[in-house]
Amino acid sequence: MFKTYLARSLIQFSLTSIGIMLIGSLPYLFFNMESQLDVLKMVDRKELTNTLFIYDTIVLNFEEYIKHMMTTLNPLFTDNAIQYYERGRELPLFPEFFDAYLLSMVYLLASLTLALVLGVLLTILTMLLPKEKRALPKGVLFVLESLPDIFVILITQLTIIWIYKASGILLFNIASGFNDRAFLLPIVVLALLPALYIFKYLLVSFEDEEQQLYVELARGKGLKRSKILVVHIFRNSILTLFNHFKGIFLFALANLVMLEVIFEVRGFMTFVINHGVLNPEIVTIALFMIFIPSFLFFTGMQWILERWLHGKGELL
C-alpha cells in the first residue's frame, strides 16, 4: 500500500515539476526574449526612451526554450549563485529572496491557522444551536462569502482608520512603514474569507454526519451534544475538511498578492511582481518554492489521515 502511494506521489511530483519548468520558460519558446530583455534593461537604465520603433513577432524557438530551462536548473547542480538584475546591477538572489519568502509564509501560515480555528469554532457553535435557528448564521455566511476579496481588505482598512479618527486608538498598523511593519491586521484580513469557507464546508459535513446512526447511538448512551460534535462528528469530518483545504490554501495564496500590495509588505509575491519581468527565471523558482513544501505537506497529511481514519473507523 505504502509503495503504491509513494510511487503515485513521485509520478505526480515529477509531472508537476516538469510542467512548472515548461510553463516557466514558455516566453522563450514564442518570443526572442534575449533581445526583449536587453531593451527592457536599457529602458530601466534610462539609456532608451523611445521604443515605438521596436517590434517582435511570434516564433517557435525550441533552442532558446530548452536553453533557458537548462540555465534555470544549472545552479542546482553547480556552485554558481543565482543572480537577478536590478537597476543596472546583477545581485545574488539569495538570501534576499528567501527572507521575503519566509516573511510571506509567516503571514500565510498564521492566517490559515487563524482561519482554521475560527472556522471550527463557528461550526461547533452553529451546530450547538437548534436546527431551526441555524438559518441566520447560514444567511450571514452566504452574504459574507459573496463579497469580493479586495472589498474585504479595503473595508477593514477604512474601518481601522475610522476608529482611529473617532477615538484616537490605532488598533492595528494599516500599512508597513520604514521602521514599522503591519503584522496583525494583514493576518486577520487574510484569514477572514478562508475561515468562512472552512465554516461552510465543515457545516455541510457536520450536518451530514449528524444524520448518521452512530450519532443516534451516542445520544442513546447519554453523551453530551458538545462531546459528540467535538470528538466524533469533527473527527469524521477531518478528511472532508482536508480535501477542501487544498483549494482554500490556493485561495489564500492568491489573496496574498493583493494583501502584500495593499499593506505594502515587502514579501515573496511583491518580489516576484517587481523583478519577475526582467528575470523570468524568478517565476520558475518561486513556483517551485511554493509547490515543493505544499506538495510534501498535503501528500504526507493525506497518507496519515487516510491510515488513521481507515484503521480506527468511527469512534464511539
Protein backbone atom coordinates (compact mmCIF):
# COMPACT_ATOMS: atom_id res chain seq x y z
CA MET A 1 0.00 0.00 0.00
CA PHE A 2 2.70 2.48 1.02
CA LYS A 3 4.87 1.65 -2.02
CA THR A 4 1.92 2.20 -4.36
CA TYR A 5 1.07 5.52 -2.71
CA LEU A 6 4.72 6.61 -2.80
CA ALA A 7 5.09 5.67 -6.48
CA ARG A 8 1.90 7.55 -7.38
CA SER A 9 3.07 10.59 -5.42
CA LEU A 10 6.50 10.56 -7.07
CA ILE A 11 4.90 10.40 -10.52
CA GLN A 12 2.61 13.31 -9.63
CA PHE A 13 5.56 15.28 -8.23
CA SER A 14 7.68 14.63 -11.34
CA LEU A 15 4.93 15.56 -13.80
CA THR A 16 4.09 18.76 -11.91
CA SER A 17 7.79 19.72 -11.72
CA ILE A 18 8.17 19.20 -15.45
CA GLY A 19 5.03 21.28 -16.02
CA ILE A 20 6.44 24.14 -13.92
CA MET A 21 9.67 24.10 -15.92
CA LEU A 22 7.81 24.06 -19.24
CA ILE A 23 5.46 26.88 -18.23
CA GLY A 24 8.18 29.00 -16.60
CA SER A 25 10.26 29.05 -19.78
CA LEU A 26 7.29 29.39 -22.17
CA PRO A 27 8.02 33.02 -23.21
CA TYR A 28 11.36 31.85 -24.63
CA LEU A 29 9.53 29.46 -26.94
CA PHE A 30 7.41 32.12 -28.66
CA PHE A 31 9.47 35.31 -28.41
CA ASN A 32 13.04 36.49 -28.82
CA MET A 33 13.36 37.05 -25.10
CA GLU A 34 17.07 37.87 -25.04
CA SER A 35 16.64 40.94 -27.24
CA GLN A 36 13.45 41.97 -25.43
CA LEU A 37 15.16 41.76 -22.05
CA ASP A 38 18.08 43.81 -23.38
CA VAL A 39 15.65 46.53 -24.47
CA LEU A 40 13.84 46.48 -21.12
CA LYS A 41 17.14 46.80 -19.26
CA MET A 42 18.14 49.75 -21.47
CA VAL A 43 14.82 51.42 -20.63
CA ASP A 44 15.41 50.69 -16.94
CA ARG A 45 18.87 52.33 -17.14
CA LYS A 46 17.39 55.37 -18.97
CA GLU A 47 19.53 54.57 -22.00
CA LEU A 48 16.46 54.27 -24.21
CA THR A 49 13.30 56.35 -24.05
CA ASN A 50 11.55 55.69 -27.38
CA THR A 51 10.56 52.08 -28.04
CA LEU A 52 7.93 52.72 -30.71
CA PHE A 53 10.27 51.53 -33.46
CA ILE A 54 10.81 48.16 -31.78
CA TYR A 55 8.59 45.23 -32.68
CA ASP A 56 8.75 41.47 -32.35
CA THR A 57 6.99 38.56 -33.97
CA ILE A 58 5.84 35.24 -32.58
CA VAL A 59 8.28 32.45 -33.42
CA LEU A 60 8.93 28.89 -32.34
CA ASN A 61 12.39 28.92 -30.80
CA PHE A 62 12.90 25.48 -29.28
CA GLU A 63 16.65 26.02 -28.88
CA GLU A 64 16.23 29.08 -26.61
CA TYR A 65 13.35 27.36 -24.83
CA ILE A 66 15.47 24.37 -23.83
CA LYS A 67 18.49 26.59 -23.16
CA HIS A 68 16.56 28.70 -20.65
CA MET A 69 15.30 25.61 -18.83
CA MET A 70 18.88 24.34 -18.57
CA THR A 71 20.07 27.76 -17.37
CA THR A 72 17.40 27.78 -14.66
CA LEU A 73 18.36 24.28 -13.48
CA ASN A 74 22.12 24.84 -13.74
CA PRO A 75 22.64 26.41 -10.25
CA LEU A 76 21.05 23.34 -8.65
CA PHE A 77 23.89 21.14 -9.88
CA THR A 78 26.79 23.61 -9.76
CA ASP A 79 28.30 26.15 -7.37
CA ASN A 80 27.05 29.06 -9.47
CA ALA A 81 24.99 31.53 -7.43
CA ILE A 82 21.62 32.57 -8.84
CA GLN A 83 21.63 36.27 -9.71
CA TYR A 84 18.96 38.73 -10.75
CA TYR A 85 19.02 42.10 -12.47
CA GLU A 86 18.02 45.27 -10.58
CA ARG A 87 18.74 48.87 -11.63
CA GLY A 88 21.76 48.11 -13.74
CA ARG A 89 23.32 45.61 -11.34
CA GLU A 90 23.45 41.84 -11.08
CA LEU A 91 22.70 40.89 -7.47
CA PRO A 92 22.61 37.50 -5.72
CA LEU A 93 19.04 36.23 -5.47
CA PHE A 94 19.59 34.59 -2.11
CA PRO A 95 19.29 35.21 0.80
CA GLU A 96 17.13 38.27 -0.02
CA PHE A 97 14.55 36.23 -1.91
CA PHE A 98 14.46 33.59 0.82
CA ASP A 99 13.92 36.25 3.51
CA ALA A 100 10.97 37.63 1.54
CA TYR A 101 9.68 34.07 1.14
CA LEU A 102 9.85 33.42 4.89
CA LEU A 103 8.02 36.69 5.63
CA SER A 104 5.19 35.79 3.25
CA MET A 105 4.95 32.25 4.62
CA VAL A 106 4.62 33.64 8.16
CA TYR A 107 1.64 35.74 7.03
CA LEU A 108 0.15 32.85 5.05
CA LEU A 109 0.55 30.11 7.67
CA ALA A 110 -0.54 32.35 10.55
CA SER A 111 -3.67 33.41 8.65
CA LEU A 112 -4.53 29.81 7.69
CA THR A 113 -4.09 28.70 11.31
CA LEU A 114 -6.35 31.52 12.48
CA ALA A 115 -8.87 30.68 9.74
CA LEU A 116 -8.90 27.03 10.78
CA VAL A 117 -9.51 27.90 14.44
CA LEU A 118 -12.26 30.40 13.58
CA GLY A 119 -13.90 28.06 11.07
CA VAL A 120 -14.02 25.14 13.51
CA LEU A 121 -15.32 27.32 16.37
CA LEU A 122 -18.05 28.86 14.20
CA THR A 123 -19.12 25.41 13.01
CA ILE A 124 -19.34 23.94 16.51
CA LEU A 125 -21.21 26.98 17.87
CA THR A 126 -23.67 26.84 14.96
CA MET A 127 -24.22 23.10 15.40
CA LEU A 128 -24.99 23.63 19.08
CA LEU A 129 -27.99 25.71 18.01
CA PRO A 130 -31.35 24.05 17.31
CA LYS A 131 -31.82 23.24 13.60
CA GLU A 132 -34.47 25.92 13.11
CA LYS A 133 -32.11 28.63 14.41
CA ARG A 134 -29.22 27.80 12.08
CA ALA A 135 -30.75 29.76 9.21
CA LEU A 136 -29.40 33.10 10.49
CA PRO A 137 -25.68 32.15 10.56
CA LYS A 138 -26.12 30.41 7.20
CA GLY A 139 -27.61 33.59 5.73
CA VAL A 140 -24.79 35.73 7.12
CA LEU A 141 -22.29 33.23 5.70
CA PHE A 142 -23.92 33.46 2.26
CA VAL A 143 -23.68 37.26 2.24
CA LEU A 144 -20.09 37.45 3.52
CA GLU A 145 -18.64 34.83 1.19
CA SER A 146 -20.09 36.67 -1.81
CA LEU A 147 -18.06 39.80 -1.05
CA PRO A 148 -15.02 40.43 -3.31
CA ASP A 149 -11.66 39.82 -1.65
CA ILE A 150 -10.33 43.32 -2.27
CA PHE A 151 -13.55 44.80 -0.87
CA VAL A 152 -12.99 42.98 2.44
CA ILE A 153 -9.39 44.24 2.64
CA LEU A 154 -10.28 47.87 1.87
CA ILE A 155 -13.32 47.92 4.19
CA THR A 156 -11.17 46.56 7.02
CA GLN A 157 -8.55 49.26 6.45
CA LEU A 158 -11.19 52.00 6.30
CA THR A 159 -12.80 50.69 9.50
CA ILE A 160 -9.46 50.86 11.34
CA ILE A 161 -8.93 54.43 10.07
CA TRP A 162 -12.47 55.44 11.12
CA ILE A 163 -11.96 54.02 14.64
CA TYR A 164 -8.63 55.84 14.87
CA LYS A 165 -10.17 59.17 13.83
CA ALA A 166 -13.14 58.72 16.16
CA SER A 167 -11.30 57.55 19.26
CA GLY A 168 -7.60 58.20 18.68
CA ILE A 169 -6.94 54.47 19.16
CA LEU A 170 -4.98 52.74 16.40
CA LEU A 171 -5.95 49.07 16.69
CA PHE A 172 -3.50 47.85 14.02
CA ASN A 173 -0.97 49.29 11.61
CA ILE A 174 -2.75 49.51 8.28
CA ALA A 175 0.44 49.59 6.17
CA SER A 176 4.10 48.77 6.55
CA GLY A 177 6.49 51.68 7.03
CA PHE A 178 10.25 52.01 7.07
CA ASN A 179 10.65 51.05 10.72
CA ASP A 180 7.23 49.59 11.44
CA ARG A 181 5.56 46.61 9.81
CA ALA A 182 1.85 45.88 9.58
CA PHE A 183 1.55 42.40 11.02
CA LEU A 184 -1.66 41.52 12.89
CA LEU A 185 -4.12 43.25 10.56
CA PRO A 186 -2.88 41.54 7.35
CA ILE A 187 -3.08 38.16 9.09
CA VAL A 188 -6.63 38.83 10.31
CA VAL A 189 -7.77 40.11 6.90
CA LEU A 190 -6.17 37.21 5.03
CA ALA A 191 -7.85 34.75 7.43
CA LEU A 192 -11.41 36.09 7.07
CA LEU A 193 -12.54 34.55 3.78
CA PRO A 194 -10.71 31.21 4.29
CA ALA A 195 -12.40 30.99 7.71
CA LEU A 196 -15.79 31.45 6.03
CA TYR A 197 -15.04 28.71 3.51
CA ILE A 198 -13.87 26.35 6.26
CA PHE A 199 -17.06 27.16 8.16
CA LYS A 200 -19.14 26.49 5.05
CA TYR A 201 -17.58 23.12 4.19
CA LEU A 202 -17.45 21.91 7.80
CA LEU A 203 -21.06 22.91 8.43
CA VAL A 204 -22.24 20.83 5.47
CA SER A 205 -20.12 17.88 6.61
CA PHE A 206 -21.29 18.18 10.23
CA GLU A 207 -24.95 18.24 9.21
CA ASP A 208 -24.43 15.16 7.02
CA GLU A 209 -22.69 13.34 9.85
CA GLU A 210 -25.47 14.38 12.23
CA GLN A 211 -27.85 12.13 10.31
CA GLN A 212 -25.68 9.03 10.75
CA LEU A 213 -26.72 6.17 13.01
CA TYR A 214 -23.61 6.40 15.20
CA VAL A 215 -24.74 9.86 16.35
CA GLU A 216 -28.11 8.46 17.48
CA LEU A 217 -26.27 5.65 19.24
CA ALA A 218 -24.01 8.15 21.02
CA ARG A 219 -27.04 10.17 22.11
CA GLY A 220 -28.65 6.98 23.36
CA LYS A 221 -25.60 6.36 25.52
CA GLY A 222 -26.15 9.73 27.15
CA LEU A 223 -23.14 11.55 25.67
CA LYS A 224 -23.31 15.33 25.72
CA ARG A 225 -24.05 17.08 22.44
CA SER A 226 -20.82 19.09 22.67
CA LYS A 227 -18.76 15.90 23.10
CA ILE A 228 -20.46 14.24 20.14
CA LEU A 229 -19.68 17.29 18.00
CA VAL A 230 -16.08 17.81 19.08
CA VAL A 231 -14.95 14.21 19.42
CA HIS A 232 -16.97 12.11 17.00
CA ILE A 233 -18.54 14.27 14.26
CA PHE A 234 -15.49 16.52 13.94
CA ARG A 235 -13.19 13.50 13.71
CA ASN A 236 -15.23 12.01 10.87
CA SER A 237 -15.25 15.38 9.06
CA ILE A 238 -11.47 15.88 9.13
CA LEU A 239 -10.81 14.16 5.81
CA THR A 240 -13.55 16.20 4.10
CA LEU A 241 -12.06 19.39 5.53
CA PHE A 242 -8.59 18.36 4.41
CA ASN A 243 -9.74 17.71 0.84
CA HIS A 244 -11.25 21.21 0.68
CA PHE A 245 -8.26 22.75 2.46
CA LYS A 246 -6.08 22.35 -0.64
CA GLY A 247 -8.35 24.74 -2.52
CA ILE A 248 -8.51 27.09 0.47
CA PHE A 249 -4.70 27.15 0.56
CA LEU A 250 -4.53 28.20 -3.11
CA PHE A 251 -7.26 30.79 -2.50
CA ALA A 252 -5.29 32.32 0.40
CA LEU A 253 -2.11 32.22 -1.67
CA ALA A 254 -3.81 34.20 -4.44
CA ASN A 255 -5.11 36.74 -1.92
CA LEU A 256 -1.59 37.09 -0.52
CA VAL A 257 -0.66 39.02 -3.69
CA MET A 258 -3.30 41.70 -3.07
CA LEU A 259 -2.53 41.77 0.63
CA GLU A 260 1.19 42.45 0.10
CA VAL A 261 0.45 45.21 -2.40
CA ILE A 262 -2.26 46.94 -0.35
CA PHE A 263 -0.45 46.68 3.00
CA GLU A 264 2.92 47.47 1.38
CA VAL A 265 4.52 44.28 2.67
CA ARG A 266 7.86 43.56 1.01
CA GLY A 267 7.25 39.87 0.74
CA PHE A 268 7.65 36.99 -1.64
CA MET A 269 4.83 37.92 -4.00
CA THR A 270 5.83 41.57 -4.40
CA PHE A 271 9.41 40.47 -5.05
CA VAL A 272 8.21 38.30 -7.94
CA ILE A 273 5.99 41.10 -9.29
CA ASN A 274 8.78 43.70 -9.10
CA HIS A 275 11.58 41.56 -10.53
CA GLY A 276 9.88 38.78 -12.49
CA VAL A 277 9.60 40.73 -15.75
CA LEU A 278 13.35 41.32 -16.14
CA ASN A 279 14.21 37.98 -14.51
CA PRO A 280 11.80 35.31 -15.83
CA GLU A 281 13.64 32.52 -14.00
CA ILE A 282 12.48 34.04 -10.69
CA VAL A 283 8.92 32.99 -11.56
CA THR A 284 10.02 29.38 -12.04
CA ILE A 285 12.00 29.36 -8.80
CA ALA A 286 9.06 30.94 -6.94
CA LEU A 287 6.67 28.27 -8.22
CA PHE A 288 8.99 25.53 -7.00
CA MET A 289 9.37 27.21 -3.59
CA ILE A 290 5.59 27.12 -3.22
CA PHE A 291 4.97 23.74 -4.82
CA ILE A 292 7.58 21.55 -3.09
CA PRO A 293 6.73 22.24 0.60
CA SER A 294 2.97 22.32 -0.05
CA PHE A 295 3.13 19.05 -2.02
CA LEU A 296 5.11 17.33 0.73
CA PHE A 297 2.70 18.60 3.39
CA PHE A 298 -0.53 17.65 1.63
CA THR A 299 0.79 14.30 0.42
CA GLY A 300 2.10 13.36 3.87
CA MET A 301 -1.04 14.54 5.67
CA GLN A 302 -3.32 12.68 3.27
CA TRP A 303 -1.43 9.45 3.89
CA ILE A 304 -1.56 9.94 7.69
CA LEU A 305 -5.26 10.85 7.77
CA GLU A 306 -6.33 8.01 5.49
CA ARG A 307 -4.39 5.45 7.54
CA TRP A 308 -5.68 6.88 10.81
CA LEU A 309 -9.33 7.01 9.79
CA HIS A 310 -9.20 3.69 7.95
CA GLY A 311 -7.50 1.97 10.87
CA LYS A 312 -9.85 3.16 13.61
CA GLY A 313 -13.15 3.66 11.85
CA GLU A 314 -15.81 5.64 13.66
CA LEU A 315 -15.14 6.14 17.34
CA LEU A 316 -17.88 5.91 19.92
